[in-house]
Amino acid sequence: MGDMKYVAGVDIGNATTEVALAKIDGQDIEFLTSGIGPTTGIKGTLQNISGVFMSLKNALEKAGITMASAEVTMIPQTYVTLTDEADITNIGRILDLLDDDDDVQEVYHNWEE
């Protein structure tokens, strides 16, 4: 068997947010449980995070899994490939400047490095 992982699928509806929780062990996939909570805020906005978190926490508790940590990340739906050396240099410089700024907590981009 390979590395065991848990994966959650999230469906944000108009009134409720549902989470399906599964365990992946190598090639084996096992549905564990689901969770539901109210949809918070407007769909597709950061206000949805608390609703998603509540639904995920509900599913994990039902499966008897303790959440060690949780974090929010942004995953782009599309990526951009830069080919011009000047563009690559500029985006690298911008990312370095943002990384050096103590006021910046997270930086997300869709540049395919």
N, C-alpha and C. Protein backbone atom coordinates (compact mmCIF):
# COMPACT_ATOMS: atom_id res chain seq x y z
N MET A 1 0.83 -1.19 0.00
CA MET A 1 0.00 0.00 0.00
C MET A 1 0.88 1.25 0.00
N GLY A 2 0.32 2.35 -0.51
CA GLY A 2 1.05 3.61 -0.56
C GLY A 2 0.77 4.47 0.65
N ASP A 3 1.04 5.74 0.49
CA ASP A 3 0.78 6.70 1.56
C ASP A 3 -0.72 6.90 1.71
N MET A 4 -1.19 6.86 2.94
CA MET A 4 -2.61 7.08 3.20
C MET A 4 -2.87 8.58 3.27
N LYS A 5 -3.94 9.02 2.61
CA LYS A 5 -4.33 10.42 2.61
C LYS A 5 -5.84 10.50 2.78
N TYR A 6 -6.28 11.63 3.27
CA TYR A 6 -7.71 11.93 3.33
C TYR A 6 -7.99 13.04 2.33
N VAL A 7 -9.11 12.94 1.66
CA VAL A 7 -9.50 13.97 0.70
C VAL A 7 -10.95 14.35 0.97
N ALA A 8 -11.25 15.63 0.81
CA ALA A 8 -12.60 16.12 1.02
C ALA A 8 -13.07 16.84 -0.24
N GLY A 9 -14.27 16.51 -0.67
CA GLY A 9 -14.92 17.22 -1.77
C GLY A 9 -15.96 18.15 -1.18
N VAL A 10 -16.02 19.37 -1.66
CA VAL A 10 -16.91 20.38 -1.09
C VAL A 10 -17.89 20.85 -2.15
N ASP A 11 -19.16 20.94 -1.78
CA ASP A 11 -20.21 21.49 -2.64
C ASP A 11 -20.87 22.65 -1.91
N ILE A 12 -20.66 23.86 -2.41
CA ILE A 12 -21.25 25.04 -1.78
C ILE A 12 -22.56 25.34 -2.49
N GLY A 13 -23.66 25.11 -1.80
CA GLY A 13 -24.98 25.39 -2.35
C GLY A 13 -25.50 26.73 -1.87
N ASN A 14 -26.72 27.05 -2.28
CA ASN A 14 -27.31 28.33 -1.87
C ASN A 14 -27.60 28.38 -0.38
N ALA A 15 -28.01 27.26 0.21
CA ALA A 15 -28.39 27.24 1.62
C ALA A 15 -27.44 26.41 2.48
N THR A 16 -26.88 25.34 1.91
CA THR A 16 -26.01 24.47 2.69
C THR A 16 -24.70 24.20 1.95
N THR A 17 -23.69 23.85 2.73
CA THR A 17 -22.40 23.44 2.20
C THR A 17 -22.16 22.01 2.64
N GLU A 18 -21.96 21.12 1.67
CA GLU A 18 -21.76 19.71 1.97
C GLU A 18 -20.32 19.32 1.70
N VAL A 19 -19.83 18.40 2.54
CA VAL A 19 -18.48 17.86 2.39
C VAL A 19 -18.57 16.35 2.38
N ALA A 20 -17.90 15.72 1.41
CA ALA A 20 -17.76 14.26 1.38
C ALA A 20 -16.31 13.95 1.71
N LEU A 21 -16.09 13.03 2.62
CA LEU A 21 -14.75 12.70 3.11
C LEU A 21 -14.40 11.27 2.71
N ALA A 22 -13.21 11.09 2.13
CA ALA A 22 -12.76 9.76 1.71
C ALA A 22 -11.32 9.54 2.16
N LYS A 23 -10.95 8.27 2.27
CA LYS A 23 -9.58 7.88 2.60
C LYS A 23 -8.99 7.23 1.36
N ILE A 24 -7.78 7.65 1.00
CA ILE A 24 -7.07 7.07 -0.14
C ILE A 24 -5.82 6.39 0.39
N ASP A 25 -5.71 5.10 0.12
CA ASP A 25 -4.55 4.32 0.55
C ASP A 25 -4.05 3.57 -0.68
N GLY A 26 -3.00 4.11 -1.31
CA GLY A 26 -2.52 3.53 -2.56
C GLY A 26 -3.57 3.71 -3.64
N GLN A 27 -4.06 2.61 -4.19
CA GLN A 27 -5.10 2.64 -5.21
C GLN A 27 -6.50 2.48 -4.62
N ASP A 28 -6.59 2.23 -3.31
CA ASP A 28 -7.88 2.01 -2.65
C ASP A 28 -8.49 3.33 -2.20
N ILE A 29 -9.75 3.54 -2.55
CA ILE A 29 -10.48 4.73 -2.13
C ILE A 29 -11.70 4.26 -1.34
N GLU A 30 -11.85 4.81 -0.15
CA GLU A 30 -12.96 4.43 0.73
C GLU A 30 -13.73 5.67 1.17
N PHE A 31 -15.03 5.71 0.85
CA PHE A 31 -15.87 6.80 1.33
C PHE A 31 -16.03 6.63 2.84
N LEU A 32 -15.81 7.71 3.58
CA LEU A 32 -15.91 7.64 5.03
C LEU A 32 -17.22 8.21 5.56
N THR A 33 -17.51 9.44 5.20
CA THR A 33 -18.72 10.08 5.72
C THR A 33 -18.92 11.40 5.00
N SER A 34 -19.95 12.10 5.40
CA SER A 34 -20.20 13.43 4.85
C SER A 34 -20.57 14.37 5.99
N GLY A 35 -20.47 15.64 5.72
CA GLY A 35 -20.85 16.66 6.70
C GLY A 35 -21.61 17.76 6.01
N ILE A 36 -22.40 18.47 6.77
CA ILE A 36 -23.20 19.54 6.19
C ILE A 36 -23.24 20.72 7.16
N GLY A 37 -23.27 21.90 6.62
CA GLY A 37 -23.37 23.11 7.42
C GLY A 37 -24.00 24.19 6.58
N PRO A 38 -24.34 25.30 7.20
CA PRO A 38 -24.96 26.38 6.43
C PRO A 38 -23.95 27.05 5.51
N THR A 39 -24.41 27.48 4.36
CA THR A 39 -23.57 28.28 3.48
C THR A 39 -23.46 29.66 4.09
N THR A 40 -22.26 30.15 4.19
CA THR A 40 -22.04 31.46 4.80
C THR A 40 -21.58 32.43 3.72
N GLY A 41 -22.07 33.64 3.77
CA GLY A 41 -21.65 34.66 2.81
C GLY A 41 -22.17 34.39 1.42
N ILE A 42 -21.57 35.02 0.46
CA ILE A 42 -21.93 34.87 -0.95
C ILE A 42 -21.03 33.81 -1.56
N LYS A 43 -21.63 32.89 -2.31
CA LYS A 43 -20.86 31.81 -2.93
C LYS A 43 -19.68 32.37 -3.71
N GLY A 44 -18.53 31.71 -3.55
CA GLY A 44 -17.34 32.11 -4.28
C GLY A 44 -16.54 33.23 -3.63
N THR A 45 -16.89 33.57 -2.39
CA THR A 45 -16.16 34.64 -1.69
C THR A 45 -15.50 34.07 -0.44
N LEU A 46 -14.63 34.85 0.16
CA LEU A 46 -13.95 34.41 1.37
C LEU A 46 -14.92 34.20 2.53
N GLN A 47 -16.10 34.82 2.49
CA GLN A 47 -17.07 34.62 3.56
C GLN A 47 -17.57 33.17 3.60
N ASN A 48 -17.35 32.41 2.53
CA ASN A 48 -17.74 30.99 2.50
C ASN A 48 -16.85 30.12 3.36
N ILE A 49 -15.68 30.61 3.72
CA ILE A 49 -14.70 29.78 4.41
C ILE A 49 -15.25 29.20 5.71
N SER A 50 -15.95 30.00 6.50
CA SER A 50 -16.45 29.48 7.78
C SER A 50 -17.47 28.37 7.56
N GLY A 51 -18.31 28.47 6.54
CA GLY A 51 -19.27 27.41 6.24
C GLY A 51 -18.59 26.13 5.79
N VAL A 52 -17.57 26.27 4.95
CA VAL A 52 -16.80 25.11 4.50
C VAL A 52 -16.09 24.47 5.70
N PHE A 53 -15.49 25.30 6.54
CA PHE A 53 -14.79 24.79 7.71
C PHE A 53 -15.74 24.03 8.64
N MET A 54 -16.94 24.59 8.89
CA MET A 54 -17.91 23.91 9.76
C MET A 54 -18.32 22.57 9.18
N SER A 55 -18.55 22.51 7.87
CA SER A 55 -18.96 21.26 7.23
C SER A 55 -17.84 20.23 7.27
N LEU A 56 -16.61 20.66 7.03
CA LEU A 56 -15.47 19.76 7.09
C LEU A 56 -15.25 19.25 8.51
N LYS A 57 -15.34 20.14 9.48
CA LYS A 57 -15.17 19.74 10.88
C LYS A 57 -16.25 18.71 11.27
N ASN A 58 -17.47 18.93 10.82
CA ASN A 58 -18.57 18.00 11.09
C ASN A 58 -18.26 16.62 10.52
N ALA A 59 -17.77 16.56 9.27
CA ALA A 59 -17.46 15.27 8.64
C ALA A 59 -16.31 14.58 9.34
N LEU A 60 -15.28 15.33 9.71
CA LEU A 60 -14.14 14.74 10.41
C LEU A 60 -14.54 14.16 11.76
N GLU A 61 -15.36 14.90 12.50
CA GLU A 61 -15.84 14.40 13.80
C GLU A 61 -16.64 13.13 13.62
N LYS A 62 -17.51 13.07 12.61
CA LYS A 62 -18.30 11.87 12.35
C LYS A 62 -17.41 10.67 12.02
N ALA A 63 -16.26 10.94 11.37
CA ALA A 63 -15.34 9.86 11.00
C ALA A 63 -14.37 9.54 12.12
N GLY A 64 -14.41 10.29 13.23
CA GLY A 64 -13.51 10.05 14.35
C GLY A 64 -12.09 10.51 14.09
N ILE A 65 -11.94 11.50 13.21
CA ILE A 65 -10.62 12.02 12.85
C ILE A 65 -10.43 13.37 13.51
N THR A 66 -9.32 13.53 14.22
CA THR A 66 -9.00 14.80 14.86
C THR A 66 -8.27 15.69 13.87
N MET A 67 -8.75 16.92 13.74
CA MET A 67 -8.10 17.87 12.84
C MET A 67 -6.88 18.44 13.54
N ALA A 68 -5.70 18.16 13.00
CA ALA A 68 -4.47 18.65 13.60
C ALA A 68 -4.23 20.11 13.24
N SER A 69 -4.57 20.49 12.02
CA SER A 69 -4.41 21.87 11.59
C SER A 69 -5.30 22.11 10.37
N ALA A 70 -5.53 23.36 10.10
CA ALA A 70 -6.31 23.73 8.92
C ALA A 70 -5.77 25.04 8.39
N GLU A 71 -5.76 25.17 7.08
CA GLU A 71 -5.32 26.40 6.47
C GLU A 71 -6.09 26.63 5.19
N VAL A 72 -6.17 27.87 4.81
CA VAL A 72 -6.84 28.25 3.58
C VAL A 72 -5.78 28.52 2.53
N THR A 73 -5.99 28.00 1.35
CA THR A 73 -5.08 28.28 0.25
C THR A 73 -5.91 28.55 -1.00
N MET A 74 -5.32 29.21 -1.94
CA MET A 74 -5.99 29.52 -3.20
C MET A 74 -5.33 28.68 -4.28
N ILE A 75 -6.15 28.01 -5.08
CA ILE A 75 -5.65 27.19 -6.17
C ILE A 75 -6.22 27.77 -7.46
N PRO A 76 -5.35 28.22 -8.38
CA PRO A 76 -5.86 28.83 -9.60
C PRO A 76 -6.55 27.81 -10.50
N GLN A 77 -7.55 28.28 -11.22
CA GLN A 77 -8.23 27.42 -12.18
C GLN A 77 -7.48 27.36 -13.50
N THR A 78 -6.68 28.38 -13.77
CA THR A 78 -5.85 28.39 -14.97
C THR A 78 -4.45 28.87 -14.58
N TYR A 79 -3.49 28.48 -15.36
CA TYR A 79 -2.10 28.88 -15.14
C TYR A 79 -1.59 29.65 -16.35
N VAL A 80 -0.60 30.51 -16.11
CA VAL A 80 0.01 31.29 -17.18
C VAL A 80 1.47 30.89 -17.29
N THR A 81 1.90 30.61 -18.49
CA THR A 81 3.31 30.29 -18.74
C THR A 81 3.96 31.52 -19.35
N LEU A 82 5.02 31.98 -18.72
CA LEU A 82 5.76 33.13 -19.23
C LEU A 82 6.96 32.64 -20.02
N THR A 83 7.17 33.20 -21.20
CA THR A 83 8.30 32.80 -22.03
C THR A 83 9.29 33.95 -22.22
N ASP A 84 8.81 35.17 -22.09
CA ASP A 84 9.68 36.33 -22.26
C ASP A 84 10.56 36.50 -21.02
N GLU A 85 11.87 36.57 -21.20
CA GLU A 85 12.81 36.66 -20.07
C GLU A 85 12.53 37.89 -19.21
N ALA A 86 12.14 39.00 -19.83
CA ALA A 86 11.85 40.22 -19.07
C ALA A 86 10.64 40.00 -18.17
N ASP A 87 9.60 39.32 -18.68
CA ASP A 87 8.42 39.02 -17.86
C ASP A 87 8.78 38.11 -16.69
N ILE A 88 9.60 37.10 -16.96
CA ILE A 88 10.01 36.16 -15.90
C ILE A 88 10.82 36.90 -14.84
N THR A 89 11.71 37.77 -15.27
CA THR A 89 12.51 38.56 -14.32
C THR A 89 11.62 39.47 -13.49
N ASN A 90 10.67 40.13 -14.15
CA ASN A 90 9.77 41.05 -13.44
C ASN A 90 8.89 40.34 -12.43
N ILE A 91 8.29 39.21 -12.80
CA ILE A 91 7.42 38.51 -11.85
C ILE A 91 8.25 37.95 -10.71
N GLY A 92 9.47 37.50 -11.00
CA GLY A 92 10.36 37.03 -9.94
C GLY A 92 10.69 38.14 -8.96
N ARG A 93 10.95 39.33 -9.49
CA ARG A 93 11.26 40.48 -8.65
C ARG A 93 10.05 40.88 -7.79
N ILE A 94 8.87 40.87 -8.39
CA ILE A 94 7.65 41.20 -7.64
C ILE A 94 7.41 40.20 -6.52
N LEU A 95 7.56 38.91 -6.82
CA LEU A 95 7.35 37.88 -5.80
C LEU A 95 8.38 38.00 -4.68
N ASP A 96 9.63 38.33 -5.02
CA ASP A 96 10.66 38.53 -4.00
C ASP A 96 10.33 39.72 -3.10
N LEU A 97 9.88 40.83 -3.71
CA LEU A 97 9.52 42.01 -2.93
C LEU A 97 8.36 41.71 -1.98
N LEU A 98 7.36 40.99 -2.46
CA LEU A 98 6.23 40.63 -1.61
C LEU A 98 6.68 39.70 -0.49
N ASP A 99 7.56 38.78 -0.80
CA ASP A 99 8.07 37.84 0.21
C ASP A 99 8.86 38.57 1.30
N ASP A 100 9.55 39.63 0.94
CA ASP A 100 10.35 40.39 1.90
C ASP A 100 9.53 41.36 2.74
N ASP A 101 8.29 41.63 2.34
CA ASP A 101 7.44 42.60 3.05
C ASP A 101 6.78 41.92 4.25
N ASP A 102 7.08 42.40 5.45
CA ASP A 102 6.53 41.81 6.67
C ASP A 102 5.02 41.94 6.77
N ASP A 103 4.43 42.90 6.07
CA ASP A 103 2.98 43.10 6.12
C ASP A 103 2.22 42.11 5.23
N VAL A 104 2.91 41.46 4.32
CA VAL A 104 2.28 40.50 3.41
C VAL A 104 2.33 39.12 4.06
N GLN A 105 1.15 38.52 4.25
CA GLN A 105 1.08 37.22 4.90
C GLN A 105 1.15 36.07 3.92
N GLU A 106 0.44 36.17 2.82
CA GLU A 106 0.42 35.10 1.81
C GLU A 106 0.43 35.73 0.43
N VAL A 107 1.04 35.05 -0.52
CA VAL A 107 1.04 35.49 -1.91
C VAL A 107 0.58 34.31 -2.76
N TYR A 108 -0.41 34.55 -3.59
CA TYR A 108 -0.91 33.53 -4.50
C TYR A 108 -0.72 34.04 -5.93
N HIS A 109 -0.35 33.16 -6.82
CA HIS A 109 -0.21 33.55 -8.23
C HIS A 109 -0.54 32.35 -9.10
N ASN A 110 -0.75 32.61 -10.37
CA ASN A 110 -1.04 31.53 -11.30
C ASN A 110 0.06 31.36 -12.34
N TRP A 111 1.26 31.82 -12.02
CA TRP A 111 2.41 31.65 -12.91
C TRP A 111 2.91 30.23 -12.81
N GLU A 112 2.96 29.56 -13.93
CA GLU A 112 3.48 28.19 -13.96
C GLU A 112 4.99 28.29 -14.13
N GLU A 113 5.71 28.12 -13.03
CA GLU A 113 7.17 28.30 -13.03
C GLU A 113 7.88 27.18 -13.74
